[in-house]
Amino acid sequence: MGLRNWLEAPVAEVAAPWRSRLNLVRGAVARVTTPLLPDDYLHLANPLWSARELRGRIVEVRKETADSCTLVIKPGWGFDFDYKAGQYVGIGLHIDGRWHWRSYSLTSAPVESGSMRPGDRKLISIAVKAMPEGFLSSHIVSGVPSGTIVRLAAPKGDFALPKPPPAKILFLTAGSGITPVLSMLRTMKGRNELTDVVHVHSAPTDEDVMFGAELRELAARNPNFVTRIHLTRSQGKFALASLDEQFPDWRERDTWACGPVSMLNEIEQVWRDAGLSDRLHLERFEIARADTSGHGGTVTFAKAGRSLAVDGATTLLQAGEQVGVAMPFGCRMGICQTCVVPLTDGHVRDIRSGQEHREGDRVQTCISVAAGNCTLDL
């Protein structure tokens, strides 16, 4: 096993662990081509063949609403299609000379190991809604072309559908919060496990409902699935108190909720008051920020030898990406701990709690901002 581990080591971070024979070959190629990497040769044959990173090609761009679209992506070597419905994937696009990374929920259904036939198209999909402050989301929705090569990070996340799913489910979504739930619905449909499912989705107008036609068709074909589209511009905010009237058995259901921070905070409080917190699963696309006004400073990345002066709203992760530092990341929400690095000098502040960290602490770069000049061990 010592020789095998040595040979596989160059691809340990990108290879699917269950593909032991393929990983052995790819690792061996990496060893014998040093100092050149296999990518230097493989890229000439196919840009999706990489021994050191996950890549993909955008094969289709579908408009969903005026400000959202679906990207269908063909992943390359090493992608694990047996992810969990509801998980997210990191995607990197090369724009204006540097890579921009964000995480988006997968809308496609996973494919279980062993069930994929040689002729099957190995594709995944994500849906992106343009946000006013979102550079990458706006770039994607405004017209990223088919054929674009992207970098991918492996699927992650705990907001996931169990196998088998609960007998009774309630989904509460709003806006782009529909995306992880769509993967769950498509998965249950494909496995014939769409049992007793209720879904309430909020959007400003009918034109703003992502995947509205698919939701209505799914409800029409499956009597065990009920979907309610709540249009907030004409009907106001969906009142959680109305659940007792519309779905009297909501307390008996396992609930998955995804949407704006204010909506999720309210749901969390109602479920807590009802003693049902253990049956509630939340996915947050936004970070509830504490007041960080008046902070900021120069962030130095010691190993990379790069620095950037930032304000109190720019996270350490964003700062590193702006100056081209290879930053570890995962959820970008302070959940997965992938982005944790040592703080070697100065002070930083957690934007969720306002807690200050100092030299010697390990900090989550995706939810931390500079509180004066600081240095990271990156």
Protein backbone atom coordinates (compact mmCIF):
# COMPACT_ATOMS: atom_id res chain seq x y z
CA MET A 1 0.00 0.00 0.00
CA GLY A 2 2.98 2.32 0.51
CA LEU A 3 3.83 2.31 -3.21
CA ARG A 4 0.18 2.76 -4.18
CA ASN A 5 -0.20 5.75 -1.83
CA TRP A 6 3.00 7.30 -3.23
CA LEU A 7 1.80 6.91 -6.78
CA GLU A 8 -1.71 8.25 -6.07
CA ALA A 9 -0.54 11.23 -4.00
CA PRO A 10 -0.38 13.78 -6.87
CA VAL A 11 -4.11 13.39 -7.54
CA ALA A 12 -5.29 12.92 -3.97
CA GLU A 13 -7.10 16.25 -3.86
CA VAL A 14 -9.07 15.92 -7.10
CA ALA A 15 -9.64 12.22 -7.74
CA ALA A 16 -12.78 10.37 -6.74
CA PRO A 17 -11.64 7.95 -3.99
CA TRP A 18 -13.67 5.05 -5.34
CA ARG A 19 -11.86 5.10 -8.70
CA SER A 20 -8.74 3.41 -7.35
CA ARG A 21 -7.39 2.02 -10.64
CA LEU A 22 -7.85 5.28 -12.51
CA ASN A 23 -6.27 7.23 -9.65
CA LEU A 24 -3.27 4.90 -9.65
CA VAL A 25 -2.69 5.46 -13.36
CA ARG A 26 -3.15 9.23 -13.13
CA GLY A 27 -0.84 9.47 -10.12
CA ALA A 28 1.81 7.39 -11.86
CA VAL A 29 1.64 9.63 -14.92
CA ALA A 30 2.07 12.66 -12.66
CA ARG A 31 5.21 11.11 -11.15
CA VAL A 32 6.90 10.15 -14.41
CA THR A 33 6.18 13.49 -16.11
CA THR A 34 7.68 15.61 -13.30
CA PRO A 35 8.63 18.47 -13.53
CA LEU A 36 5.98 18.67 -16.23
CA LEU A 37 2.46 17.82 -15.10
CA PRO A 38 0.11 15.45 -16.92
CA ASP A 39 -2.05 18.48 -17.66
CA ASP A 40 0.69 19.84 -19.93
CA TYR A 41 0.07 16.86 -22.22
CA LEU A 42 -3.57 16.00 -21.53
CA HIS A 43 -4.84 19.51 -22.17
CA LEU A 44 -3.67 19.22 -25.76
CA ALA A 45 -5.97 16.23 -26.27
CA ASN A 46 -8.93 17.34 -24.16
CA PRO A 47 -9.16 20.38 -21.83
CA LEU A 48 -11.34 18.36 -19.42
CA TRP A 49 -8.55 15.84 -18.75
CA SER A 50 -6.71 17.07 -15.70
CA ALA A 51 -4.78 15.19 -13.01
CA ARG A 52 -4.66 18.12 -10.59
CA GLU A 53 -8.07 19.83 -10.69
CA LEU A 54 -11.70 19.19 -11.55
CA ARG A 55 -12.81 20.83 -14.77
CA GLY A 56 -15.98 21.05 -16.78
CA ARG A 57 -17.36 22.44 -20.04
CA ILE A 58 -20.59 24.42 -20.25
CA VAL A 59 -22.62 22.60 -22.90
CA GLU A 60 -25.92 24.49 -22.61
CA VAL A 61 -27.19 27.79 -21.21
CA ARG A 62 -30.96 27.99 -20.66
CA LYS A 63 -32.79 31.13 -19.64
CA GLU A 64 -35.14 30.49 -16.71
CA THR A 65 -36.36 34.02 -15.93
CA ALA A 66 -35.25 37.50 -16.93
CA ASP A 67 -32.49 37.39 -14.30
CA SER A 68 -31.68 33.70 -13.98
CA CYS A 69 -30.42 30.82 -16.10
CA THR A 70 -29.47 27.17 -15.96
CA LEU A 71 -25.96 26.03 -16.84
CA VAL A 72 -25.61 22.44 -18.02
CA ILE A 73 -22.03 21.29 -17.47
CA LYS A 74 -20.10 18.25 -18.64
CA PRO A 75 -17.55 17.50 -15.89
CA GLY A 76 -14.19 15.98 -16.72
CA TRP A 77 -12.05 13.43 -14.94
CA GLY A 78 -12.66 12.75 -11.26
CA PHE A 79 -16.12 14.21 -10.74
CA ASP A 80 -18.29 12.12 -8.41
CA PHE A 81 -21.83 11.98 -9.82
CA ASP A 82 -23.06 10.13 -6.73
CA TYR A 83 -23.51 13.36 -4.75
CA LYS A 84 -26.49 14.03 -2.47
CA ALA A 85 -29.53 15.86 -3.80
CA GLY A 86 -29.46 19.36 -2.32
CA GLN A 87 -25.67 19.76 -2.24
CA TYR A 88 -23.76 22.61 -3.88
CA VAL A 89 -20.73 22.69 -6.16
CA GLY A 90 -17.99 25.29 -6.53
CA ILE A 91 -17.49 26.75 -9.99
CA GLY A 92 -14.65 28.94 -11.22
CA LEU A 93 -14.69 31.08 -14.36
CA HIS A 94 -11.70 32.85 -15.87
CA ILE A 95 -12.67 36.50 -16.39
CA ASP A 96 -10.36 39.41 -17.17
CA GLY A 97 -7.22 37.46 -16.39
CA ARG A 98 -8.15 35.79 -13.13
CA TRP A 99 -10.38 33.05 -11.75
CA HIS A 100 -13.62 33.98 -9.98
CA TRP A 101 -15.16 31.34 -7.71
CA ARG A 102 -18.65 30.94 -6.30
CA SER A 103 -20.74 28.04 -5.03
CA TYR A 104 -24.14 27.16 -6.50
CA SER A 105 -26.66 24.45 -5.66
CA LEU A 106 -26.86 21.54 -8.07
CA THR A 107 -30.28 21.29 -9.70
CA SER A 108 -29.56 17.96 -11.38
CA ALA A 109 -30.29 14.60 -9.78
CA PRO A 110 -27.31 12.51 -8.67
CA VAL A 111 -26.43 9.23 -10.38
CA GLU A 112 -25.68 6.32 -8.07
CA SER A 113 -22.39 4.48 -8.51
CA GLY A 114 -22.75 1.56 -10.89
CA SER A 115 -26.02 2.74 -12.43
CA MET A 116 -24.46 4.85 -15.19
CA ARG A 117 -24.08 3.07 -18.52
CA PRO A 118 -21.18 3.77 -20.92
CA GLY A 119 -23.41 5.64 -23.39
CA ASP A 120 -25.03 7.92 -20.80
CA ARG A 121 -24.29 11.63 -20.97
CA LYS A 122 -22.50 12.57 -17.75
CA LEU A 123 -23.90 16.02 -17.06
CA ILE A 124 -24.71 18.21 -14.07
CA SER A 125 -26.67 21.44 -13.86
CA ILE A 126 -26.77 24.52 -11.67
CA ALA A 127 -29.09 27.52 -11.75
CA VAL A 128 -27.80 31.05 -11.24
CA LYS A 129 -29.80 34.14 -10.34
CA ALA A 130 -28.11 37.49 -11.00
CA MET A 131 -27.64 39.50 -7.81
CA PRO A 132 -27.00 43.27 -7.77
CA GLU A 133 -23.78 42.81 -5.78
CA GLY A 134 -22.81 39.54 -7.46
CA PHE A 135 -20.12 40.02 -10.11
CA LEU A 136 -19.96 36.39 -11.18
CA SER A 137 -23.71 35.72 -11.10
CA SER A 138 -24.35 38.81 -13.25
CA HIS A 139 -21.62 37.76 -15.67
CA ILE A 140 -23.12 34.28 -16.03
CA VAL A 141 -26.71 35.41 -16.50
CA SER A 142 -25.76 38.16 -18.95
CA GLY A 143 -24.38 35.60 -21.36
CA VAL A 144 -21.57 33.17 -20.59
CA PRO A 145 -21.17 31.18 -23.83
CA SER A 146 -21.57 27.45 -24.31
CA GLY A 147 -18.20 25.76 -24.64
CA THR A 148 -16.64 27.74 -21.79
CA ILE A 149 -14.23 25.68 -19.68
CA VAL A 150 -14.78 26.05 -15.94
CA ARG A 151 -13.07 24.77 -12.84
CA LEU A 152 -15.15 22.73 -10.42
CA ALA A 153 -14.96 21.91 -6.73
CA ALA A 154 -16.38 18.64 -5.45
CA PRO A 155 -20.04 18.64 -4.30
CA LYS A 156 -20.50 19.43 -0.61
CA GLY A 157 -23.17 20.42 1.87
CA ASP A 158 -25.38 19.05 4.63
CA PHE A 159 -28.64 20.42 3.19
CA ALA A 160 -29.33 17.11 1.54
CA LEU A 161 -32.09 14.60 0.96
CA PRO A 162 -31.65 11.38 2.96
CA LYS A 163 -32.04 7.93 1.43
CA PRO A 164 -34.84 6.94 1.66
CA PRO A 165 -36.62 10.28 2.10
CA PRO A 166 -39.03 10.87 5.00
CA ALA A 167 -42.62 9.77 4.49
CA LYS A 168 -43.91 13.36 4.77
CA ILE A 169 -41.98 16.42 3.59
CA LEU A 170 -42.53 20.19 3.59
CA PHE A 171 -40.39 22.44 1.35
CA LEU A 172 -40.41 26.21 1.96
CA THR A 173 -38.48 28.21 -0.64
CA ALA A 174 -38.22 31.69 -2.08
CA GLY A 175 -36.37 33.12 -5.08
CA SER A 176 -33.29 31.10 -6.01
CA GLY A 177 -33.87 29.03 -2.87
CA ILE A 178 -35.78 26.68 -5.15
CA THR A 179 -32.52 25.35 -6.65
CA PRO A 180 -31.43 22.72 -4.07
CA VAL A 181 -35.04 21.65 -3.58
CA LEU A 182 -35.44 21.14 -7.33
CA SER A 183 -32.59 18.62 -7.20
CA MET A 184 -34.43 16.82 -4.39
CA LEU A 185 -37.70 16.78 -6.34
CA ARG A 186 -36.01 15.53 -9.51
CA THR A 187 -34.25 12.84 -7.48
CA MET A 188 -37.41 11.61 -5.77
CA LYS A 189 -39.22 11.60 -9.10
CA GLY A 190 -36.45 9.56 -10.75
CA ARG A 191 -36.42 7.04 -7.93
CA ASN A 192 -40.24 6.82 -7.70
CA GLU A 193 -40.01 8.09 -4.13
CA LEU A 194 -42.22 11.17 -4.45
CA THR A 195 -44.53 10.20 -1.59
CA ASP A 196 -46.29 12.91 0.44
CA VAL A 197 -44.58 16.21 -0.43
CA VAL A 198 -45.86 19.76 0.06
CA HIS A 199 -44.00 22.74 -1.41
CA VAL A 200 -44.60 26.46 -0.90
CA HIS A 201 -42.53 28.78 -3.10
CA SER A 202 -42.49 32.58 -2.96
CA ALA A 203 -41.55 34.96 -5.77
CA PRO A 204 -42.49 38.56 -6.60
CA THR A 205 -44.47 37.73 -9.77
CA ASP A 206 -45.27 34.69 -11.87
CA GLU A 207 -42.56 35.74 -14.34
CA ASP A 208 -40.02 35.55 -11.50
CA VAL A 209 -40.77 31.92 -10.61
CA MET A 210 -37.79 29.76 -11.50
CA PHE A 211 -38.85 26.36 -12.91
CA GLY A 212 -42.52 27.27 -12.52
CA ALA A 213 -43.65 25.17 -15.48
CA GLU A 214 -41.73 22.12 -14.23
CA LEU A 215 -43.22 22.47 -10.74
CA ARG A 216 -46.76 22.67 -12.11
CA GLU A 217 -46.23 19.70 -14.43
CA LEU A 218 -44.76 17.65 -11.59
CA ALA A 219 -47.83 18.43 -9.46
CA ALA A 220 -50.20 17.57 -12.31
CA ARG A 221 -48.57 14.17 -12.85
CA ASN A 222 -48.06 13.25 -9.18
CA PRO A 223 -51.09 13.45 -6.87
CA ASN A 224 -48.81 13.07 -3.82
CA PHE A 225 -47.00 16.32 -4.65
CA VAL A 226 -48.64 19.67 -3.90
CA THR A 227 -46.99 22.94 -4.91
CA ARG A 228 -48.24 26.42 -4.00
CA ILE A 229 -46.78 29.45 -5.77
CA HIS A 230 -47.10 32.54 -3.56
CA LEU A 231 -46.70 35.84 -5.44
CA THR A 232 -45.47 38.39 -2.92
CA ARG A 233 -46.02 41.50 -5.03
CA SER A 234 -49.76 40.90 -5.18
CA GLN A 235 -50.29 38.69 -2.10
CA GLY A 236 -47.72 40.03 0.34
CA LYS A 237 -45.24 37.93 2.29
CA PHE A 238 -46.23 34.33 2.88
CA ALA A 239 -47.54 34.07 6.46
CA LEU A 240 -46.23 31.05 8.33
CA ALA A 241 -49.33 31.22 10.52
CA SER A 242 -51.37 30.19 7.47
CA LEU A 243 -49.72 26.75 7.50
CA ASP A 244 -52.26 25.61 10.10
CA GLU A 245 -55.06 26.34 7.65
CA GLN A 246 -53.40 25.27 4.40
CA PHE A 247 -51.45 22.24 5.65
CA PRO A 248 -52.69 21.28 9.14
CA ASP A 249 -50.19 18.40 9.37
CA TRP A 250 -47.11 20.58 8.83
CA ARG A 251 -45.77 19.72 12.30
CA GLU A 252 -45.62 16.06 11.25
CA ARG A 253 -43.40 16.81 8.28
CA ASP A 254 -39.63 17.03 7.94
CA THR A 255 -38.99 20.51 6.59
CA TRP A 256 -36.33 21.87 4.24
CA ALA A 257 -36.25 25.67 3.81
CA CYS A 258 -34.08 27.87 1.60
CA GLY A 259 -34.44 31.56 0.84
CA PRO A 260 -33.61 35.06 2.15
CA VAL A 261 -32.10 35.50 5.61
CA SER A 262 -35.19 37.18 7.07
CA MET A 263 -37.43 34.34 5.90
CA LEU A 264 -35.14 31.66 7.32
CA ASN A 265 -34.76 33.47 10.63
CA GLU A 266 -38.55 33.60 10.99
CA ILE A 267 -38.93 29.92 10.09
CA GLU A 268 -36.21 28.98 12.55
CA GLN A 269 -38.00 30.86 15.35
CA VAL A 270 -41.41 29.34 14.59
CA TRP A 271 -40.01 25.81 14.49
CA ARG A 272 -38.06 26.43 17.70
CA ASP A 273 -41.18 27.67 19.48
CA ALA A 274 -43.03 24.57 18.28
CA GLY A 275 -40.28 22.28 19.57
CA LEU A 276 -39.54 21.06 16.06
CA SER A 277 -35.97 22.30 15.50
CA ASP A 278 -34.73 18.74 15.00
CA ARG A 279 -37.05 18.36 11.99
CA LEU A 280 -35.93 21.58 10.29
CA HIS A 281 -33.14 21.83 7.70
CA LEU A 282 -31.99 25.29 6.54
CA GLU A 283 -29.81 26.39 3.63
CA ARG A 284 -28.61 30.00 3.69
CA PHE A 285 -27.37 31.70 0.53
CA GLU A 286 -26.73 34.94 2.41
CA ILE A 287 -24.75 35.69 5.55
CA ALA A 288 -26.46 37.60 8.35
CA ARG A 289 -23.83 40.26 9.04
CA ALA A 290 -23.03 41.98 12.29
CA ASP A 291 -22.07 45.67 12.14
CA THR A 292 -18.50 45.87 10.85
CA SER A 293 -18.49 49.56 9.95
CA GLY A 294 -15.27 51.39 10.67
CA HIS A 295 -13.02 48.36 10.15
CA GLY A 296 -10.76 47.30 7.34
CA GLY A 297 -7.02 47.38 6.77
CA THR A 298 -4.25 45.81 4.74
CA VAL A 299 -4.47 42.03 4.40
CA THR A 300 -1.10 40.37 3.79
CA PHE A 301 -0.75 36.82 2.44
CA ALA A 302 2.63 35.81 3.81
CA LYS A 303 3.49 32.80 1.65
CA ALA A 304 2.20 34.38 -1.56
CA GLY A 305 3.96 37.68 -0.80
CA ARG A 306 0.88 39.72 -1.72
CA SER A 307 -1.15 42.40 0.08
CA LEU A 308 -4.37 44.30 -0.45
CA ALA A 309 -5.99 47.23 1.35
CA VAL A 310 -9.68 46.43 1.93
CA ASP A 311 -12.72 47.92 3.61
CA GLY A 312 -14.71 46.36 6.43
CA ALA A 313 -17.16 44.63 4.06
CA THR A 314 -14.61 42.64 2.01
CA THR A 315 -13.95 39.17 3.39
CA LEU A 316 -10.45 37.75 3.64
CA LEU A 317 -11.45 35.15 1.05
CA GLN A 318 -12.51 37.84 -1.40
CA ALA A 319 -9.33 39.80 -0.72
CA GLY A 320 -7.13 36.80 -1.49
CA GLU A 321 -8.99 36.04 -4.69
CA GLN A 322 -8.65 39.66 -5.82
CA VAL A 323 -4.85 39.43 -5.70
CA GLY A 324 -4.67 35.94 -7.17
CA VAL A 325 -3.91 33.90 -4.04
CA ALA A 326 -5.03 30.27 -4.23
CA MET A 327 -7.59 30.44 -1.42
CA PRO A 328 -9.19 27.27 0.02
CA PHE A 329 -12.97 27.52 0.05
CA GLY A 330 -16.15 25.50 0.17
CA CYS A 331 -19.57 26.83 1.09
CA ARG A 332 -18.59 30.53 1.42
CA MET A 333 -21.15 30.70 4.23
CA GLY A 334 -19.11 29.80 7.31
CA ILE A 335 -20.48 26.26 7.50
CA CYS A 336 -18.06 23.73 6.03
CA GLN A 337 -14.73 24.91 7.61
CA THR A 338 -12.86 24.37 4.33
CA CYS A 339 -11.48 27.92 4.28
CA VAL A 340 -9.93 27.90 7.78
CA VAL A 341 -6.34 29.26 7.88
CA PRO A 342 -3.99 30.52 10.62
CA LEU A 343 -3.91 34.24 11.45
CA THR A 344 -0.22 35.04 12.04
CA ASP A 345 -0.53 38.73 12.86
CA GLY A 346 -3.17 41.37 13.53
CA HIS A 347 -6.90 41.12 14.15
CA VAL A 348 -9.93 40.04 12.10
CA ARG A 349 -13.64 40.11 12.86
CA ASP A 350 -16.35 37.50 12.24
CA ILE A 351 -19.05 39.27 10.19
CA ARG A 352 -21.82 37.09 11.61
CA SER A 353 -21.17 37.46 15.34
CA GLY A 354 -18.82 40.44 15.51
CA GLN A 355 -16.33 38.30 17.47
CA GLU A 356 -12.72 39.40 17.08
CA HIS A 357 -9.86 36.97 16.43
CA ARG A 358 -6.18 37.66 16.99
CA GLU A 359 -2.71 36.31 16.23
CA GLY A 360 -2.52 32.53 16.67
CA ASP A 361 -6.21 31.90 15.97
CA ARG A 362 -7.47 29.89 13.01
CA VAL A 363 -10.07 31.89 11.12
CA GLN A 364 -12.72 31.22 8.50
CA THR A 365 -11.74 33.49 5.65
CA CYS A 366 -15.20 33.47 4.02
CA ILE A 367 -16.86 35.13 7.02
CA SER A 368 -13.97 37.20 8.41
CA VAL A 369 -12.93 40.77 7.60
CA ALA A 370 -9.87 42.78 8.53
CA ALA A 371 -10.03 44.66 11.84
CA GLY A 372 -6.87 46.61 11.10
CA ASN A 373 -3.79 45.28 9.32
CA CYS A 374 -3.51 41.50 9.43
CA THR A 375 -1.44 38.64 8.00
CA LEU A 376 -2.58 35.17 6.96
CA ASP A 377 -0.42 32.06 6.61
CA LEU A 378 -1.18 31.68 2.92
